[in-house]
Amino acid sequence: MPRDIPPEAIALAGRLFEAARQGHSALLEQAITAGLPPNLTNDKGDTLLMLAAYHGHAHLVKYLIEHGADPNRLNDRQQSPLAGAVFKKEDDVIEALLDGGADPEHGLPPAMECIAIFKQQDVWKARFEAASGRGKAAAAAGTAEAPGDGQAAS
């Protein structure tokens, strides 16, 4: 962690990441309106969107995507928000991510494989195959953002 970050900034980042986990949209809406990067990441590469998705907060997932969060941004383990939502069986989050352009073929493992692993093909296979974002992020993976872009401590 860089030493020149004020403790107050670290504390605020921690509160923002916790708000994403808990689905508390008011603090995040205020921060994003004030200029917080919507793709802010913690020390594990998890974005606010990843945390909101993993914890089942579809309303917050929609808000973050509408305000510029990338539904295909992978964490440091190359996991996608969509694969996390499949793992947690968060159907409303999966729909919000797909509506927001999530690519079911992106990440390791890709969400397309996760639906087989977690026996959800009957629910999601057709929707994933028809997804508007399908193949787009996976094809562009060679043009990933620079490491550390928007990164903060959690």
C-alpha atoms as a PDB file:
ATOM      1  CA  MET A   1       0.000   0.000   0.000  1.00  0.00           C
ATOM      2  CA  PRO A   2       1.416   3.421  -0.906  1.00  0.00           C
ATOM      3  CA  ARG A   3       2.516   5.383   2.120  1.00  0.00           C
ATOM      4  CA  ASP A   4       1.401   8.758   0.792  1.00  0.00           C
ATOM      5  CA  ILE A   5      -2.323   7.999   0.981  1.00  0.00           C
ATOM      6  CA  PRO A   6      -3.876   9.802   3.948  1.00  0.00           C
ATOM      7  CA  PRO A   7      -5.454   7.520   6.572  1.00  0.00           C
ATOM      8  CA  GLU A   8      -8.773   9.319   6.044  1.00  0.00           C
ATOM      9  CA  ALA A   9      -8.773   8.307   2.369  1.00  0.00           C
ATOM     10  CA  ILE A  10      -8.048   4.689   3.290  1.00  0.00           C
ATOM     11  CA  ALA A  11     -10.898   4.760   5.816  1.00  0.00           C
ATOM     12  CA  LEU A  12     -13.293   6.245   3.241  1.00  0.00           C
ATOM     13  CA  ALA A  13     -12.328   3.595   0.681  1.00  0.00           C
ATOM     14  CA  GLY A  14     -13.007   0.911   3.280  1.00  0.00           C
ATOM     15  CA  ARG A  15     -16.462   2.382   3.954  1.00  0.00           C
ATOM     16  CA  LEU A  16     -17.217   2.503   0.223  1.00  0.00           C
ATOM     17  CA  PHE A  17     -16.247  -1.128  -0.334  1.00  0.00           C
ATOM     18  CA  GLU A  18     -18.289  -2.163   2.709  1.00  0.00           C
ATOM     19  CA  ALA A  19     -21.262  -0.176   1.366  1.00  0.00           C
ATOM     20  CA  ALA A  20     -21.004  -2.165  -1.880  1.00  0.00           C
ATOM     21  CA  ARG A  21     -20.938  -5.440   0.084  1.00  0.00           C
ATOM     22  CA  GLN A  22     -23.950  -4.413   2.173  1.00  0.00           C
ATOM     23  CA  GLY A  23     -25.951  -2.855  -0.677  1.00  0.00           C
ATOM     24  CA  HIS A  24     -26.005   0.602   0.896  1.00  0.00           C
ATOM     25  CA  SER A  25     -26.450   2.677  -2.206  1.00  0.00           C
ATOM     26  CA  ALA A  26     -26.808   6.148  -0.630  1.00  0.00           C
ATOM     27  CA  LEU A  27     -23.110   6.523   0.247  1.00  0.00           C
ATOM     28  CA  LEU A  28     -22.002   5.147  -3.122  1.00  0.00           C
ATOM     29  CA  GLU A  29     -24.423   7.357  -5.051  1.00  0.00           C
ATOM     30  CA  GLN A  30     -23.146  10.411  -3.178  1.00  0.00           C
ATOM     31  CA  ALA A  31     -19.508   9.467  -3.808  1.00  0.00           C
ATOM     32  CA  ILE A  32     -20.012   8.726  -7.517  1.00  0.00           C
ATOM     33  CA  THR A  33     -21.927  11.974  -7.975  1.00  0.00           C
ATOM     34  CA  ALA A  34     -18.953  13.740  -6.349  1.00  0.00           C
ATOM     35  CA  GLY A  35     -16.540  12.122  -8.829  1.00  0.00           C
ATOM     36  CA  LEU A  36     -15.548   8.742  -7.388  1.00  0.00           C
ATOM     37  CA  PRO A  37     -14.296   6.496 -10.213  1.00  0.00           C
ATOM     38  CA  PRO A  38     -16.995   3.835 -10.710  1.00  0.00           C
ATOM     39  CA  ASN A  39     -14.292   1.214 -11.364  1.00  0.00           C
ATOM     40  CA  LEU A  40     -12.509   1.809  -8.052  1.00  0.00           C
ATOM     41  CA  THR A  41     -10.796  -1.416  -6.998  1.00  0.00           C
ATOM     42  CA  ASN A  42      -9.620  -2.750  -3.673  1.00  0.00           C
ATOM     43  CA  ASP A  43      -6.322  -4.465  -2.931  1.00  0.00           C
ATOM     44  CA  LYS A  44      -7.643  -7.711  -4.496  1.00  0.00           C
ATOM     45  CA  GLY A  45      -8.766  -6.036  -7.694  1.00  0.00           C
ATOM     46  CA  ASP A  46     -12.439  -6.285  -6.751  1.00  0.00           C
ATOM     47  CA  THR A  47     -14.489  -3.364  -8.018  1.00  0.00           C
ATOM     48  CA  LEU A  48     -17.478  -1.900  -6.230  1.00  0.00           C
ATOM     49  CA  LEU A  49     -19.546  -3.662  -8.907  1.00  0.00           C
ATOM     50  CA  MET A  50     -17.887  -7.026  -8.211  1.00  0.00           C
ATOM     51  CA  LEU A  51     -18.651  -6.724  -4.492  1.00  0.00           C
ATOM     52  CA  ALA A  52     -22.244  -5.601  -5.067  1.00  0.00           C
ATOM     53  CA  ALA A  53     -22.785  -8.449  -7.554  1.00  0.00           C
ATOM     54  CA  TYR A  54     -21.260 -11.118  -5.338  1.00  0.00           C
ATOM     55  CA  HIS A  55     -23.422 -10.050  -2.416  1.00  0.00           C
ATOM     56  CA  GLY A  56     -26.658  -9.994  -4.419  1.00  0.00           C
ATOM     57  CA  HIS A  57     -27.431  -6.290  -4.730  1.00  0.00           C
ATOM     58  CA  ALA A  58     -28.994  -6.053  -8.195  1.00  0.00           C
ATOM     59  CA  HIS A  59     -30.224  -2.483  -7.656  1.00  0.00           C
ATOM     60  CA  LEU A  60     -26.672  -1.347  -6.915  1.00  0.00           C
ATOM     61  CA  VAL A  61     -25.255  -3.346  -9.838  1.00  0.00           C
ATOM     62  CA  LYS A  62     -27.665  -1.529 -12.184  1.00  0.00           C
ATOM     63  CA  TYR A  63     -26.785   1.859 -10.697  1.00  0.00           C
ATOM     64  CA  LEU A  64     -23.036   1.284 -10.959  1.00  0.00           C
ATOM     65  CA  ILE A  65     -23.262   0.119 -14.586  1.00  0.00           C
ATOM     66  CA  GLU A  66     -25.461   3.108 -15.454  1.00  0.00           C
ATOM     67  CA  HIS A  67     -22.737   5.341 -13.998  1.00  0.00           C
ATOM     68  CA  GLY A  68     -19.819   3.828 -15.880  1.00  0.00           C
ATOM     69  CA  ALA A  69     -18.777   0.706 -13.980  1.00  0.00           C
ATOM     70  CA  ASP A  70     -17.358  -1.939 -16.312  1.00  0.00           C
ATOM     71  CA  PRO A  71     -19.346  -5.201 -15.976  1.00  0.00           C
ATOM     72  CA  ASN A  72     -16.391  -7.075 -17.497  1.00  0.00           C
ATOM     73  CA  ARG A  73     -13.626  -5.806 -15.231  1.00  0.00           C
ATOM     74  CA  LEU A  74     -11.822  -8.826 -13.770  1.00  0.00           C
ATOM     75  CA  ASN A  75     -10.307  -8.986 -10.307  1.00  0.00           C
ATOM     76  CA  ASP A  76      -6.721 -10.036  -9.618  1.00  0.00           C
ATOM     77  CA  ARG A  77      -7.761 -13.711  -9.790  1.00  0.00           C
ATOM     78  CA  GLN A  78      -9.264 -13.097 -13.257  1.00  0.00           C
ATOM     79  CA  GLN A  79     -12.812 -13.605 -11.950  1.00  0.00           C
ATOM     80  CA  SER A  80     -15.712 -11.680 -13.463  1.00  0.00           C
ATOM     81  CA  PRO A  81     -18.708 -10.215 -11.641  1.00  0.00           C
ATOM     82  CA  LEU A  82     -20.933 -12.438 -13.796  1.00  0.00           C
ATOM     83  CA  ALA A  83     -19.131 -15.643 -12.789  1.00  0.00           C
ATOM     84  CA  GLY A  84     -19.400 -14.579  -9.136  1.00  0.00           C
ATOM     85  CA  ALA A  85     -23.137 -14.011  -9.500  1.00  0.00           C
ATOM     86  CA  VAL A  86     -23.529 -17.457 -11.098  1.00  0.00           C
ATOM     87  CA  PHE A  87     -21.579 -19.024  -8.216  1.00  0.00           C
ATOM     88  CA  LYS A  88     -23.840 -17.299  -5.680  1.00  0.00           C
ATOM     89  CA  LYS A  89     -27.001 -18.058  -7.726  1.00  0.00           C
ATOM     90  CA  GLU A  90     -27.975 -14.378  -7.781  1.00  0.00           C
ATOM     91  CA  ASP A  91     -30.447 -14.425 -10.676  1.00  0.00           C
ATOM     92  CA  ASP A  92     -31.435 -10.735 -10.506  1.00  0.00           C
ATOM     93  CA  VAL A  93     -27.756  -9.751 -10.485  1.00  0.00           C
ATOM     94  CA  ILE A  94     -27.044 -12.032 -13.452  1.00  0.00           C
ATOM     95  CA  GLU A  95     -29.853 -10.338 -15.398  1.00  0.00           C
ATOM     96  CA  ALA A  96     -28.583  -6.861 -14.462  1.00  0.00           C
ATOM     97  CA  LEU A  97     -25.042  -7.737 -15.538  1.00  0.00           C
ATOM     98  CA  LEU A  98     -26.182  -9.245 -18.843  1.00  0.00           C
ATOM     99  CA  ASP A  99     -28.408  -6.224 -19.504  1.00  0.00           C
ATOM    100  CA  GLY A 100     -25.373  -4.041 -18.773  1.00  0.00           C
ATOM    101  CA  GLY A 101     -23.164  -5.783 -21.342  1.00  0.00           C
ATOM    102  CA  ALA A 102     -21.426  -8.494 -19.325  1.00  0.00           C
ATOM    103  CA  ASP A 103     -19.588 -11.054 -21.457  1.00  0.00           C
ATOM    104  CA  PRO A 104     -20.323 -14.636 -20.336  1.00  0.00           C
ATOM    105  CA  GLU A 105     -17.154 -15.824 -22.116  1.00  0.00           C
ATOM    106  CA  HIS A 106     -14.801 -13.514 -20.174  1.00  0.00           C
ATOM    107  CA  GLY A 107     -12.756 -14.391 -17.088  1.00  0.00           C
ATOM    108  CA  LEU A 108     -11.337 -17.536 -15.541  1.00  0.00           C
ATOM    109  CA  PRO A 109     -13.410 -19.559 -15.417  1.00  0.00           C
ATOM    110  CA  PRO A 110     -15.840 -17.777 -17.720  1.00  0.00           C
ATOM    111  CA  ALA A 111     -19.449 -17.571 -16.558  1.00  0.00           C
ATOM    112  CA  MET A 112     -20.403 -19.779 -19.513  1.00  0.00           C
ATOM    113  CA  GLU A 113     -18.392 -22.595 -17.889  1.00  0.00           C
ATOM    114  CA  CYS A 114     -19.681 -21.719 -14.418  1.00  0.00           C
ATOM    115  CA  ILE A 115     -23.267 -22.439 -15.430  1.00  0.00           C
ATOM    116  CA  ALA A 116     -22.152 -25.984 -16.292  1.00  0.00           C
ATOM    117  CA  ILE A 117     -20.077 -26.355 -13.120  1.00  0.00           C
ATOM    118  CA  PHE A 118     -22.967 -25.172 -10.922  1.00  0.00           C
ATOM    119  CA  LYS A 119     -25.664 -27.002 -12.918  1.00  0.00           C
ATOM    120  CA  GLN A 120     -27.486 -23.874 -14.104  1.00  0.00           C
ATOM    121  CA  GLN A 121     -27.351 -24.488 -17.865  1.00  0.00           C
ATOM    122  CA  ASP A 122     -31.090 -25.062 -18.109  1.00  0.00           C
ATOM    123  CA  VAL A 123     -31.667 -21.606 -16.627  1.00  0.00           C
ATOM    124  CA  TRP A 124     -28.916 -19.565 -18.302  1.00  0.00           C
ATOM    125  CA  LYS A 125     -27.430 -21.224 -21.403  1.00  0.00           C
ATOM    126  CA  ALA A 126     -29.801 -19.663 -23.965  1.00  0.00           C
ATOM    127  CA  ARG A 127     -29.619 -16.248 -22.271  1.00  0.00           C
ATOM    128  CA  PHE A 128     -25.806 -16.366 -22.177  1.00  0.00           C
ATOM    129  CA  GLU A 129     -25.597 -17.420 -25.821  1.00  0.00           C
ATOM    130  CA  ALA A 130     -27.828 -14.473 -26.795  1.00  0.00           C
ATOM    131  CA  ALA A 131     -26.113 -11.925 -24.515  1.00  0.00           C
ATOM    132  CA  SER A 132     -25.339  -8.624 -26.233  1.00  0.00           C
ATOM    133  CA  GLY A 133     -21.892  -8.549 -24.621  1.00  0.00           C
ATOM    134  CA  ARG A 134     -21.003 -12.130 -25.521  1.00  0.00           C
ATOM    135  CA  GLY A 135     -17.463 -12.423 -26.856  1.00  0.00           C
ATOM    136  CA  LYS A 136     -16.751  -8.676 -26.774  1.00  0.00           C
ATOM    137  CA  ALA A 137     -14.658  -8.473 -23.592  1.00  0.00           C
ATOM    138  CA  ALA A 138     -12.993 -11.816 -24.214  1.00  0.00           C
ATOM    139  CA  ALA A 139     -11.957 -10.641 -27.697  1.00  0.00           C
ATOM    140  CA  ALA A 140     -10.600  -7.374 -26.304  1.00  0.00           C
ATOM    141  CA  ALA A 141      -8.718  -8.999 -23.404  1.00  0.00           C
ATOM    142  CA  GLY A 142      -5.380  -8.059 -24.972  1.00  0.00           C
ATOM    143  CA  THR A 143      -6.229  -4.383 -24.468  1.00  0.00           C
ATOM    144  CA  ALA A 144      -6.791  -4.517 -20.706  1.00  0.00           C
ATOM    145  CA  GLU A 145      -6.487  -1.397 -18.573  1.00  0.00           C
ATOM    146  CA  ALA A 146      -3.215  -0.551 -16.914  1.00  0.00           C
ATOM    147  CA  PRO A 147      -2.738  -2.243 -13.513  1.00  0.00           C
ATOM    148  CA  GLY A 148      -3.604  -0.060 -10.564  1.00  0.00           C
ATOM    149  CA  ASP A 149      -5.994   2.191 -12.510  1.00  0.00           C
ATOM    150  CA  GLY A 150      -8.417   3.427  -9.873  1.00  0.00           C
ATOM    151  CA  GLN A 151      -7.011   1.113  -7.212  1.00  0.00           C
ATOM    152  CA  ALA A 152      -7.437   1.835  -3.527  1.00  0.00           C
ATOM    153  CA  ALA A 153      -7.064  -0.151  -0.333  1.00  0.00           C
ATOM    154  CA  SER A 154     -10.098  -1.929   1.088  1.00  0.00           C
END
